[in-house]
Amino acid sequence: MQLSRQDEPLYLGLAETLRDELAGYQPGDYLPAE
């Protein structure tokens, strides 16, 4: 993730990061937040 990309809103960058993290989970897996 490049913080220098100002043409992209911050929330889009955060959503991209979350998508990458959640991509490692499979349905039914234990989520640390629960």
PDB file of N, CA and C in Angstrom:
ATOM      1  N   MET A   1       0.850  -1.202   0.000  1.00  0.00           N
ATOM      2  CA  MET A   1       0.000   0.000   0.000  1.00  0.00           C
ATOM      3  C   MET A   1       0.877   1.240   0.000  1.00  0.00           C
ATOM      4  N   GLN A   2       0.675   2.097  -0.972  1.00  0.00           N
ATOM      5  CA  GLN A   2       1.479   3.303  -1.094  1.00  0.00           C
ATOM      6  C   GLN A   2       0.716   4.492  -0.533  1.00  0.00           C
ATOM      7  N   LEU A   3       1.316   5.148   0.469  1.00  0.00           N
ATOM      8  CA  LEU A   3       0.646   6.282   1.090  1.00  0.00           C
ATOM      9  C   LEU A   3       0.766   7.534   0.239  1.00  0.00           C
ATOM     10  N   SER A   4       1.594   7.476  -0.804  1.00  0.00           N
ATOM     11  CA  SER A   4       1.845   8.653  -1.629  1.00  0.00           C
ATOM     12  C   SER A   4       0.771   8.857  -2.688  1.00  0.00           C
ATOM     13  N   ARG A   5      -0.151   7.898  -2.801  1.00  0.00           N
ATOM     14  CA  ARG A   5      -1.209   8.027  -3.809  1.00  0.00           C
ATOM     15  C   ARG A   5      -2.308   8.947  -3.297  1.00  0.00           C
ATOM     16  N   GLN A   6      -2.268  10.203  -3.704  1.00  0.00           N
ATOM     17  CA  GLN A   6      -3.250  11.176  -3.232  1.00  0.00           C
ATOM     18  C   GLN A   6      -4.493  11.197  -4.111  1.00  0.00           C
ATOM     19  N   ASP A   7      -4.449  10.518  -5.250  1.00  0.00           N
ATOM     20  CA  ASP A   7      -5.602  10.507  -6.143  1.00  0.00           C
ATOM     21  C   ASP A   7      -6.658   9.508  -5.670  1.00  0.00           C
ATOM     22  N   GLU A   8      -6.326   8.781  -4.616  1.00  0.00           N
ATOM     23  CA  GLU A   8      -7.240   7.770  -4.089  1.00  0.00           C
ATOM     24  C   GLU A   8      -7.642   8.149  -2.668  1.00  0.00           C
ATOM     25  N   PRO A   9      -8.945   8.274  -2.396  1.00  0.00           N
ATOM     26  CA  PRO A   9      -9.409   8.612  -1.042  1.00  0.00           C
ATOM     27  C   PRO A   9      -8.882   7.617  -0.009  1.00  0.00           C
ATOM     28  N   LEU A  10      -8.688   8.088   1.211  1.00  0.00           N
ATOM     29  CA  LEU A  10      -8.105   7.256   2.262  1.00  0.00           C
ATOM     30  C   LEU A  10      -8.951   6.017   2.524  1.00  0.00           C
ATOM     31  N   TYR A  11     -10.265   6.180   2.517  1.00  0.00           N
ATOM     32  CA  TYR A  11     -11.130   5.036   2.842  1.00  0.00           C
ATOM     33  C   TYR A  11     -11.012   3.932   1.804  1.00  0.00           C
ATOM     34  N   LEU A  12     -10.703   4.294   0.553  1.00  0.00           N
ATOM     35  CA  LEU A  12     -10.514   3.262  -0.465  1.00  0.00           C
ATOM     36  C   LEU A  12      -9.247   2.469  -0.168  1.00  0.00           C
ATOM     37  N   GLY A  13      -8.217   3.147   0.311  1.00  0.00           N
ATOM     38  CA  GLY A  13      -6.978   2.463   0.666  1.00  0.00           C
ATOM     39  C   GLY A  13      -7.191   1.540   1.854  1.00  0.00           C
ATOM     40  N   LEU A  14      -7.969   2.005   2.830  1.00  0.00           N
ATOM     41  CA  LEU A  14      -8.251   1.175   4.002  1.00  0.00           C
ATOM     42  C   LEU A  14      -9.093  -0.028   3.616  1.00  0.00           C
ATOM     43  N   ALA A  15     -10.059   0.180   2.737  1.00  0.00           N
ATOM     44  CA  ALA A  15     -10.904  -0.927   2.291  1.00  0.00           C
ATOM     45  C   ALA A  15     -10.065  -1.965   1.555  1.00  0.00           C
ATOM     46  N   GLU A  16      -9.087  -1.486   0.791  1.00  0.00           N
ATOM     47  CA  GLU A  16      -8.209  -2.404   0.061  1.00  0.00           C
ATOM     48  C   GLU A  16      -7.384  -3.238   1.033  1.00  0.00           C
ATOM     49  N   THR A  17      -6.903  -2.596   2.104  1.00  0.00           N
ATOM     50  CA  THR A  17      -6.121  -3.311   3.108  1.00  0.00           C
ATOM     51  C   THR A  17      -6.978  -4.350   3.824  1.00  0.00           C
ATOM     52  N   LEU A  18      -8.193  -3.965   4.195  1.00  0.00           N
ATOM     53  CA  LEU A  18      -9.092  -4.899   4.875  1.00  0.00           C
ATOM     54  C   LEU A  18      -9.438  -6.071   3.970  1.00  0.00           C
ATOM     55  N   ARG A  19      -9.632  -5.789   2.678  1.00  0.00           N
ATOM     56  CA  ARG A  19      -9.959  -6.856   1.735  1.00  0.00           C
ATOM     57  C   ARG A  19      -8.811  -7.857   1.654  1.00  0.00           C
ATOM     58  N   ASP A  20      -7.582  -7.346   1.667  1.00  0.00           N
ATOM     59  CA  ASP A  20      -6.425  -8.242   1.603  1.00  0.00           C
ATOM     60  C   ASP A  20      -6.350  -9.114   2.852  1.00  0.00           C
ATOM     61  N   GLU A  21      -6.652  -8.532   4.022  1.00  0.00           N
ATOM     62  CA  GLU A  21      -6.602  -9.297   5.268  1.00  0.00           C
ATOM     63  C   GLU A  21      -7.715 -10.338   5.310  1.00  0.00           C
ATOM     64  N   LEU A  22      -8.917  -9.943   4.923  1.00  0.00           N
ATOM     65  CA  LEU A  22     -10.057 -10.860   4.973  1.00  0.00           C
ATOM     66  C   LEU A  22      -9.958 -11.950   3.919  1.00  0.00           C
ATOM     67  N   ALA A  23      -9.156 -11.729   2.896  1.00  0.00           N
ATOM     68  CA  ALA A  23      -9.004 -12.729   1.834  1.00  0.00           C
ATOM     69  C   ALA A  23      -8.359 -13.999   2.379  1.00  0.00           C
ATOM     70  N   GLY A  24      -7.655 -13.884   3.517  1.00  0.00           N
ATOM     71  CA  GLY A  24      -6.989 -15.040   4.099  1.00  0.00           C
ATOM     72  C   GLY A  24      -7.929 -15.889   4.942  1.00  0.00           C
ATOM     73  N   TYR A  25      -9.130 -15.392   5.180  1.00  0.00           N
ATOM     74  CA  TYR A  25     -10.087 -16.131   5.997  1.00  0.00           C
ATOM     75  C   TYR A  25     -11.007 -16.979   5.129  1.00  0.00           C
ATOM     76  N   GLN A  26     -11.402 -18.110   5.665  1.00  0.00           N
ATOM     77  CA  GLN A  26     -12.393 -18.949   4.999  1.00  0.00           C
ATOM     78  C   GLN A  26     -13.687 -18.892   5.806  1.00  0.00           C
ATOM     79  N   PRO A  27     -14.831 -19.049   5.165  1.00  0.00           N
ATOM     80  CA  PRO A  27     -16.113 -19.039   5.890  1.00  0.00           C
ATOM     81  C   PRO A  27     -16.113 -20.076   7.020  1.00  0.00           C
ATOM     82  N   GLY A  28     -16.475 -19.650   8.222  1.00  0.00           N
ATOM     83  CA  GLY A  28     -16.511 -20.562   9.351  1.00  0.00           C
ATOM     84  C   GLY A  28     -15.255 -20.494  10.202  1.00  0.00           C
ATOM     85  N   ASP A  29     -14.228 -19.808   9.712  1.00  0.00           N
ATOM     86  CA  ASP A  29     -13.009 -19.660  10.499  1.00  0.00           C
ATOM     87  C   ASP A  29     -13.273 -18.771  11.712  1.00  0.00           C
ATOM     88  N   TYR A  30     -12.500 -18.979  12.766  1.00  0.00           N
ATOM     89  CA  TYR A  30     -12.617 -18.145  13.955  1.00  0.00           C
ATOM     90  C   TYR A  30     -12.010 -16.780  13.668  1.00  0.00           C
ATOM     91  N   LEU A  31     -12.779 -15.723  13.931  1.00  0.00           N
ATOM     92  CA  LEU A  31     -12.275 -14.368  13.726  1.00  0.00           C
ATOM     93  C   LEU A  31     -11.774 -13.811  15.055  1.00  0.00           C
ATOM     94  N   PRO A  32     -10.569 -13.237  15.076  1.00  0.00           N
ATOM     95  CA  PRO A  32      -9.972 -12.718  16.315  1.00  0.00           C
ATOM     96  C   PRO A  32     -10.844 -11.661  16.990  1.00  0.00           C
ATOM     97  N   ALA A  33     -11.648 -10.940  16.234  1.00  0.00           N
ATOM     98  CA  ALA A  33     -12.451  -9.856  16.796  1.00  0.00           C
ATOM     99  C   ALA A  33     -13.662 -10.384  17.559  1.00  0.00           C
ATOM    100  N   GLU A  34     -13.999 -11.649  17.376  1.00  0.00           N
ATOM    101  CA  GLU A  34     -15.191 -12.180  18.028  1.00  0.00           C
ATOM    102  C   GLU A  34     -14.867 -12.772  19.392  1.00  0.00           C
TER     103      GLU A  34
END
